[in-house]
PDB file of all heavy atoms in Angstrom:
ATOM      1  N   VAL A   1     -23.010  -4.689  20.263  1.00  0.00           N
ATOM      2  CA  VAL A   1     -23.399  -3.322  19.918  1.00  0.00           C
ATOM      3  C   VAL A   1     -24.820  -3.204  19.695  1.00  0.00           C
ATOM      4  O   VAL A   1     -25.492  -3.964  18.984  1.00  0.00           O
ATOM      5  CB  VAL A   1     -22.615  -2.876  18.653  1.00  0.00           C
ATOM      6  CG1 VAL A   1     -22.866  -1.429  18.357  1.00  0.00           C
ATOM      7  CG2 VAL A   1     -21.096  -3.095  18.832  1.00  0.00           C
ATOM      8  N   HIS A   2     -25.417  -2.186  20.228  1.00  0.00           N
ATOM      9  CA  HIS A   2     -26.856  -1.886  20.115  1.00  0.00           C
ATOM     10  C   HIS A   2     -26.920  -0.368  19.574  1.00  0.00           C
ATOM     11  O   HIS A   2     -26.398   0.507  20.154  1.00  0.00           O
ATOM     12  CB  HIS A   2     -27.665  -2.033  21.348  1.00  0.00           C
ATOM     13  CG  HIS A   2     -29.115  -1.838  21.188  1.00  0.00           C
ATOM     14  ND1 HIS A   2     -29.890  -2.645  20.436  1.00  0.00           N
ATOM     15  CD2 HIS A   2     -29.983  -0.767  21.571  1.00  0.00           C
ATOM     16  CE1 HIS A   2     -31.212  -2.170  20.514  1.00  0.00           C
ATOM     17  NE2 HIS A   2     -31.205  -1.089  21.098  1.00  0.00           N
ATOM     18  N   VAL A   3     -27.662  -0.225  18.461  1.00  0.00           N
ATOM     19  CA  VAL A   3     -27.762   1.094  17.893  1.00  0.00           C
ATOM     20  C   VAL A   3     -29.230   1.610  17.695  1.00  0.00           C
ATOM     21  O   VAL A   3     -30.037   0.800  17.380  1.00  0.00           O
ATOM     22  CB  VAL A   3     -27.100   1.106  16.469  1.00  0.00           C
ATOM     23  CG1 VAL A   3     -27.205   2.445  15.704  1.00  0.00           C
ATOM     24  CG2 VAL A   3     -25.585   0.691  16.521  1.00  0.00           C
ATOM     25  N   VAL A   4     -29.485   2.858  18.082  1.00  0.00           N
ATOM     26  CA  VAL A   4     -30.759   3.462  17.866  1.00  0.00           C
ATOM     27  C   VAL A   4     -30.597   4.791  17.171  1.00  0.00           C
ATOM     28  O   VAL A   4     -29.787   5.690  17.595  1.00  0.00           O
ATOM     29  CB  VAL A   4     -31.542   3.595  19.105  1.00  0.00           C
ATOM     30  CG1 VAL A   4     -32.949   4.201  18.818  1.00  0.00           C
ATOM     31  CG2 VAL A   4     -31.657   2.244  19.903  1.00  0.00           C
ATOM     32  N   LEU A   5     -31.133   4.967  15.964  1.00  0.00           N
ATOM     33  CA  LEU A   5     -30.949   6.206  15.162  1.00  0.00           C
ATOM     34  C   LEU A   5     -32.160   7.104  15.279  1.00  0.00           C
ATOM     35  O   LEU A   5     -33.259   6.701  15.680  1.00  0.00           O
ATOM     36  CB  LEU A   5     -30.790   5.855  13.752  1.00  0.00           C
ATOM     37  CG  LEU A   5     -29.459   5.099  13.393  1.00  0.00           C
ATOM     38  CD1 LEU A   5     -29.448   4.857  11.832  1.00  0.00           C
ATOM     39  CD2 LEU A   5     -28.305   5.691  13.805  1.00  0.00           C
ATOM     40  N   PRO A   6     -31.960   8.426  14.970  1.00  0.00           N
ATOM     41  CA  PRO A   6     -33.122   9.294  14.912  1.00  0.00           C
ATOM     42  C   PRO A   6     -34.014   8.863  13.725  1.00  0.00           C
ATOM     43  O   PRO A   6     -33.603   8.068  12.853  1.00  0.00           O
ATOM     44  CB  PRO A   6     -32.475  10.610  14.488  1.00  0.00           C
ATOM     45  CG  PRO A   6     -31.047  10.539  14.986  1.00  0.00           C
ATOM     46  CD  PRO A   6     -30.685   9.059  14.816  1.00  0.00           C
ATOM     47  N   PRO A   7     -35.264   9.072  13.751  1.00  0.00           N
ATOM     48  CA  PRO A   7     -36.029   9.969  14.728  1.00  0.00           C
ATOM     49  C   PRO A   7     -36.406   9.221  15.995  1.00  0.00           C
ATOM     50  O   PRO A   7     -36.887   9.927  16.868  1.00  0.00           O
ATOM     51  CB  PRO A   7     -37.236  10.393  13.918  1.00  0.00           C
ATOM     52  CG  PRO A   7     -37.501   9.103  13.106  1.00  0.00           C
ATOM     53  CD  PRO A   7     -36.141   8.628  12.685  1.00  0.00           C
ATOM     54  N   VAL A   8     -36.046   7.997  16.150  1.00  0.00           N
ATOM     55  CA  VAL A   8     -36.432   7.293  17.396  1.00  0.00           C
ATOM     56  C   VAL A   8     -35.558   7.779  18.515  1.00  0.00           C
ATOM     57  O   VAL A   8     -35.992   8.046  19.578  1.00  0.00           O
ATOM     58  CB  VAL A   8     -36.241   5.813  17.258  1.00  0.00           C
ATOM     59  CG1 VAL A   8     -36.503   5.070  18.613  1.00  0.00           C
ATOM     60  CG2 VAL A   8     -37.106   5.164  16.174  1.00  0.00           C
ATOM     61  N   ALA A   9     -34.251   7.926  18.299  1.00  0.00           N
ATOM     62  CA  ALA A   9     -33.388   8.557  19.320  1.00  0.00           C
ATOM     63  C   ALA A   9     -33.366  10.104  19.154  1.00  0.00           C
ATOM     64  O   ALA A   9     -33.017  10.623  18.088  1.00  0.00           O
ATOM     65  CB  ALA A   9     -31.930   8.054  19.113  1.00  0.00           C
ATOM     66  N   LEU A  10     -34.015  10.800  20.056  1.00  0.00           N
ATOM     67  CA  LEU A  10     -34.230  12.171  19.822  1.00  0.00           C
ATOM     68  C   LEU A  10     -33.033  13.115  19.869  1.00  0.00           C
ATOM     69  O   LEU A  10     -33.091  14.128  19.237  1.00  0.00           O
ATOM     70  CB  LEU A  10     -35.289  12.637  20.958  1.00  0.00           C
ATOM     71  CG  LEU A  10     -36.669  11.899  21.017  1.00  0.00           C
ATOM     72  CD1 LEU A  10     -37.444  12.451  22.178  1.00  0.00           C
ATOM     73  CD2 LEU A  10     -37.324  12.044  19.620  1.00  0.00           C
ATOM     74  N   ASP A  11     -31.988  12.699  20.560  1.00  0.00           N
ATOM     75  CA  ASP A  11     -30.839  13.510  20.712  1.00  0.00           C
ATOM     76  C   ASP A  11     -29.712  13.022  19.846  1.00  0.00           C
ATOM     77  O   ASP A  11     -28.526  13.341  20.182  1.00  0.00           O
ATOM     78  CB  ASP A  11     -30.450  13.586  22.219  1.00  0.00           C
ATOM     79  CG  ASP A  11     -31.521  14.206  23.004  1.00  0.00           C
ATOM     80  OD1 ASP A  11     -32.113  15.101  22.668  1.00  0.00           O
ATOM     81  OD2 ASP A  11     -31.723  13.545  24.093  1.00  0.00           O
ATOM     82  N   GLY A  12     -29.981  12.346  18.866  1.00  0.00           N
ATOM     83  CA  GLY A  12     -28.824  11.889  17.949  1.00  0.00           C
ATOM     84  C   GLY A  12     -28.599  10.361  18.133  1.00  0.00           C
ATOM     85  O   GLY A  12     -29.179   9.779  19.017  1.00  0.00           O
ATOM     86  N   PRO A  13     -27.846   9.808  17.309  1.00  0.00           N
ATOM     87  CA  PRO A  13     -27.589   8.379  17.332  1.00  0.00           C
ATOM     88  C   PRO A  13     -27.132   7.917  18.720  1.00  0.00           C
ATOM     89  O   PRO A  13     -26.271   8.548  19.287  1.00  0.00           O
ATOM     90  CB  PRO A  13     -26.489   8.129  16.309  1.00  0.00           C
ATOM     91  CG  PRO A  13     -26.607   9.285  15.288  1.00  0.00           C
ATOM     92  CD  PRO A  13     -27.064  10.464  16.152  1.00  0.00           C
ATOM     93  N   ALA A  14     -27.745   6.866  19.149  1.00  0.00           N
ATOM     94  CA  ALA A  14     -27.382   6.284  20.497  1.00  0.00           C
ATOM     95  C   ALA A  14     -26.733   4.872  20.214  1.00  0.00           C
ATOM     96  O   ALA A  14     -27.292   4.019  19.600  1.00  0.00           O
ATOM     97  CB  ALA A  14     -28.597   6.115  21.374  1.00  0.00           C
ATOM     98  N   VAL A  15     -25.531   4.635  20.773  1.00  0.00           N
ATOM     99  CA  VAL A  15     -24.860   3.499  20.592  1.00  0.00           C
ATOM    100  C   VAL A  15     -24.413   3.000  21.904  1.00  0.00           C
ATOM    101  O   VAL A  15     -23.785   3.727  22.769  1.00  0.00           O
ATOM    102  CB  VAL A  15     -23.511   3.677  19.682  1.00  0.00           C
ATOM    103  CG1 VAL A  15     -22.793   2.338  19.547  1.00  0.00           C
ATOM    104  CG2 VAL A  15     -23.938   4.324  18.391  1.00  0.00           C
ATOM    105  N   THR A  16     -24.692   1.728  22.163  1.00  0.00           N
ATOM    106  CA  THR A  16     -24.216   1.105  23.413  1.00  0.00           C
ATOM    107  C   THR A  16     -23.383  -0.187  23.097  1.00  0.00           C
ATOM    108  O   THR A  16     -23.835  -1.040  22.335  1.00  0.00           O
ATOM    109  CB  THR A  16     -25.518   0.663  24.288  1.00  0.00           C
ATOM    110  OG1 THR A  16     -26.394   1.722  24.447  1.00  0.00           O
ATOM    111  CG2 THR A  16     -25.001   0.015  25.636  1.00  0.00           C
ATOM    112  N   ILE A  17     -22.139  -0.179  23.587  1.00  0.00           N
ATOM    113  CA  ILE A  17     -21.237  -1.264  23.302  1.00  0.00           C
ATOM    114  C   ILE A  17     -20.952  -1.948  24.668  1.00  0.00           C
ATOM    115  O   ILE A  17     -20.485  -1.362  25.641  1.00  0.00           O
ATOM    116  CB  ILE A  17     -19.876  -0.724  22.761  1.00  0.00           C
ATOM    117  CG1 ILE A  17     -20.209  -0.041  21.421  1.00  0.00           C
ATOM    118  CG2 ILE A  17     -18.962  -1.894  22.529  1.00  0.00           C
ATOM    119  CD1 ILE A  17     -18.967   0.580  20.756  1.00  0.00           C
ATOM    120  N   ARG A  18     -21.273  -3.290  24.762  1.00  0.00           N
ATOM    121  CA  ARG A  18     -20.917  -4.073  25.856  1.00  0.00           C
ATOM    122  C   ARG A  18     -19.672  -4.914  25.564  1.00  0.00           C
ATOM    123  O   ARG A  18     -19.778  -5.902  24.704  1.00  0.00           O
ATOM    124  CB  ARG A  18     -22.041  -4.939  26.312  1.00  0.00           C
ATOM    125  CG  ARG A  18     -21.865  -5.447  27.675  1.00  0.00           C
ATOM    126  CD  ARG A  18     -23.106  -6.186  28.199  1.00  0.00           C
ATOM    127  NE  ARG A  18     -23.170  -7.549  27.689  1.00  0.00           N
ATOM    128  CZ  ARG A  18     -24.290  -8.212  27.882  1.00  0.00           C
ATOM    129  NH1 ARG A  18     -25.286  -7.876  28.517  1.00  0.00           N
ATOM    130  NH2 ARG A  18     -24.322  -9.538  27.414  1.00  0.00           N
ATOM    131  N   LYS A  19     -18.558  -4.675  26.072  1.00  0.00           N
ATOM    132  CA  LYS A  19     -17.338  -5.364  25.691  1.00  0.00           C
ATOM    133  C   LYS A  19     -17.331  -6.796  26.246  1.00  0.00           C
ATOM    134  O   LYS A  19     -17.807  -7.063  27.344  1.00  0.00           O
ATOM    135  CB  LYS A  19     -16.112  -4.544  26.192  1.00  0.00           C
ATOM    136  CG  LYS A  19     -15.856  -3.288  25.477  1.00  0.00           C
ATOM    137  CD  LYS A  19     -14.822  -2.436  26.145  1.00  0.00           C
ATOM    138  CE  LYS A  19     -13.503  -3.125  26.090  1.00  0.00           C
ATOM    139  NZ  LYS A  19     -12.380  -2.349  26.764  1.00  0.00           N
ATOM    140  N   PHE A  20     -16.664  -7.594  25.413  1.00  0.00           N
ATOM    141  CA  PHE A  20     -16.471  -9.041  25.877  1.00  0.00           C
ATOM    142  C   PHE A  20     -15.002  -9.286  25.884  1.00  0.00           C
ATOM    143  O   PHE A  20     -14.489  -9.651  24.810  1.00  0.00           O
ATOM    144  CB  PHE A  20     -17.235  -9.953  24.854  1.00  0.00           C
ATOM    145  CG  PHE A  20     -18.592 -10.315  25.458  1.00  0.00           C
ATOM    146  CD1 PHE A  20     -19.580  -9.412  25.329  1.00  0.00           C
ATOM    147  CD2 PHE A  20     -18.824 -11.538  26.081  1.00  0.00           C
ATOM    148  CE1 PHE A  20     -20.858  -9.670  25.881  1.00  0.00           C
ATOM    149  CE2 PHE A  20     -20.073 -11.831  26.594  1.00  0.00           C
ATOM    150  CZ  PHE A  20     -21.080 -10.940  26.499  1.00  0.00           C
ATOM    151  N   PRO A  21     -14.382  -9.210  27.001  1.00  0.00           N
ATOM    152  CA  PRO A  21     -12.943  -9.567  27.086  1.00  0.00           C
ATOM    153  C   PRO A  21     -12.803 -11.088  27.137  1.00  0.00           C
ATOM    154  O   PRO A  21     -13.636 -11.746  26.623  1.00  0.00           O
ATOM    155  CB  PRO A  21     -12.565  -8.880  28.471  1.00  0.00           C
ATOM    156  CG  PRO A  21     -13.848  -8.979  29.264  1.00  0.00           C
ATOM    157  CD  PRO A  21     -15.028  -8.844  28.253  1.00  0.00           C
ATOM    158  N   GLU A  22     -11.771 -11.509  27.724  1.00  0.00           N
ATOM    159  CA  GLU A  22     -11.481 -12.882  27.809  1.00  0.00           C
ATOM    160  C   GLU A  22     -12.663 -13.538  28.624  1.00  0.00           C
ATOM    161  O   GLU A  22     -13.166 -12.918  29.535  1.00  0.00           O
ATOM    162  CB  GLU A  22     -10.204 -13.216  28.570  1.00  0.00           C
ATOM    163  CG  GLU A  22      -8.953 -12.761  27.860  1.00  0.00           C
ATOM    164  CD  GLU A  22      -8.728 -13.678  26.571  1.00  0.00           C
ATOM    165  OE1 GLU A  22      -8.959 -14.895  26.761  1.00  0.00           O
ATOM    166  OE2 GLU A  22      -8.415 -13.153  25.493  1.00  0.00           O
ATOM    167  N   PRO A  23     -13.128 -14.794  28.146  1.00  0.00           N
ATOM    168  CA  PRO A  23     -14.244 -15.386  28.790  1.00  0.00           C
ATOM    169  C   PRO A  23     -13.991 -15.526  30.313  1.00  0.00           C
ATOM    170  O   PRO A  23     -12.793 -15.956  30.733  1.00  0.00           O
ATOM    171  CB  PRO A  23     -14.293 -16.753  28.190  1.00  0.00           C
ATOM    172  CG  PRO A  23     -13.602 -16.641  26.870  1.00  0.00           C
ATOM    173  CD  PRO A  23     -12.586 -15.548  27.106  1.00  0.00           C
ATOM    174  N   ILE A  24     -14.888 -15.206  31.126  1.00  0.00           N
ATOM    175  CA  ILE A  24     -14.794 -15.337  32.609  1.00  0.00           C
ATOM    176  C   ILE A  24     -15.108 -16.735  33.017  1.00  0.00           C
ATOM    177  O   ILE A  24     -16.247 -17.235  32.804  1.00  0.00           O
ATOM    178  CB  ILE A  24     -15.650 -14.302  33.343  1.00  0.00           C
ATOM    179  CG1 ILE A  24     -15.222 -12.860  32.974  1.00  0.00           C
ATOM    180  CG2 ILE A  24     -15.680 -14.490  34.893  1.00  0.00           C
ATOM    181  CD1 ILE A  24     -15.989 -11.772  33.685  1.00  0.00           C
ATOM    182  N   THR A  25     -14.263 -17.361  33.547  1.00  0.00           N
ATOM    183  CA  THR A  25     -14.438 -18.777  34.034  1.00  0.00           C
ATOM    184  C   THR A  25     -15.160 -18.869  35.407  1.00  0.00           C
ATOM    185  O   THR A  25     -15.283 -17.808  36.116  1.00  0.00           O
ATOM    186  CB  THR A  25     -13.093 -19.452  34.158  1.00  0.00           C
ATOM    187  OG1 THR A  25     -12.330 -18.882  35.177  1.00  0.00           O
ATOM    188  CG2 THR A  25     -12.344 -19.481  32.826  1.00  0.00           C
ATOM    189  N   MET A  26     -15.647 -20.114  35.760  1.00  0.00           N
ATOM    190  CA  MET A  26     -16.247 -20.236  37.075  1.00  0.00           C
ATOM    191  C   MET A  26     -15.251 -19.982  38.176  1.00  0.00           C
ATOM    192  O   MET A  26     -15.588 -19.461  39.158  1.00  0.00           O
ATOM    193  CB  MET A  26     -16.783 -21.701  37.121  1.00  0.00           C
ATOM    194  CG  MET A  26     -17.675 -21.930  38.323  1.00  0.00           C
ATOM    195  SD  MET A  26     -19.220 -20.840  38.259  1.00  0.00           S
ATOM    196  CE  MET A  26     -20.183 -21.670  36.877  1.00  0.00           C
ATOM    197  N   GLU A  27     -13.944 -20.336  37.899  1.00  0.00           N
ATOM    198  CA  GLU A  27     -12.966 -19.993  38.867  1.00  0.00           C
ATOM    199  C   GLU A  27     -12.829 -18.538  39.174  1.00  0.00           C
ATOM    200  O   GLU A  27     -12.727 -18.045  40.326  1.00  0.00           O
ATOM    201  CB  GLU A  27     -11.582 -20.537  38.415  1.00  0.00           C
ATOM    202  CG  GLU A  27     -11.356 -21.922  38.418  1.00  0.00           C
ATOM    203  CD  GLU A  27     -12.202 -22.689  37.361  1.00  0.00           C
ATOM    204  OE1 GLU A  27     -12.516 -22.058  36.292  1.00  0.00           O
ATOM    205  OE2 GLU A  27     -12.411 -23.828  37.490  1.00  0.00           O
ATOM    206  N   LYS A  28     -12.950 -17.661  38.144  1.00  0.00           N
ATOM    207  CA  LYS A  28     -12.959 -16.220  38.352  1.00  0.00           C
ATOM    208  C   LYS A  28     -14.225 -15.753  39.085  1.00  0.00           C
ATOM    209  O   LYS A  28     -14.149 -14.827  39.906  1.00  0.00           O
ATOM    210  CB  LYS A  28     -12.785 -15.475  36.976  1.00  0.00           C
ATOM    211  CG  LYS A  28     -11.440 -15.580  36.325  1.00  0.00           C
ATOM    212  CD  LYS A  28     -11.360 -14.758  35.067  1.00  0.00           C
ATOM    213  CE  LYS A  28      -9.956 -14.848  34.389  1.00  0.00           C
ATOM    214  NZ  LYS A  28      -9.865 -14.160  33.184  1.00  0.00           N
ATOM    215  N   LEU A  29     -15.289 -16.376  38.726  1.00  0.00           N
ATOM    216  CA  LEU A  29     -16.607 -16.007  39.446  1.00  0.00           C
ATOM    217  C   LEU A  29     -16.461 -16.280  40.912  1.00  0.00           C
ATOM    218  O   LEU A  29     -16.975 -15.561  41.781  1.00  0.00           O
ATOM    219  CB  LEU A  29     -17.738 -16.728  38.802  1.00  0.00           C
ATOM    220  CG  LEU A  29     -18.177 -16.195  37.365  1.00  0.00           C
ATOM    221  CD1 LEU A  29     -19.323 -17.022  36.817  1.00  0.00           C
ATOM    222  CD2 LEU A  29     -18.488 -14.744  37.374  1.00  0.00           C
TER     223      LEU A  29
END
């Protein structure tokens, strides 16, 4: 999770979530 709040984020709080599901194995890659 990455969060940036005002006043740096001009249009309101910005939240970016990068989900981590089950680990991707070399076989899946």
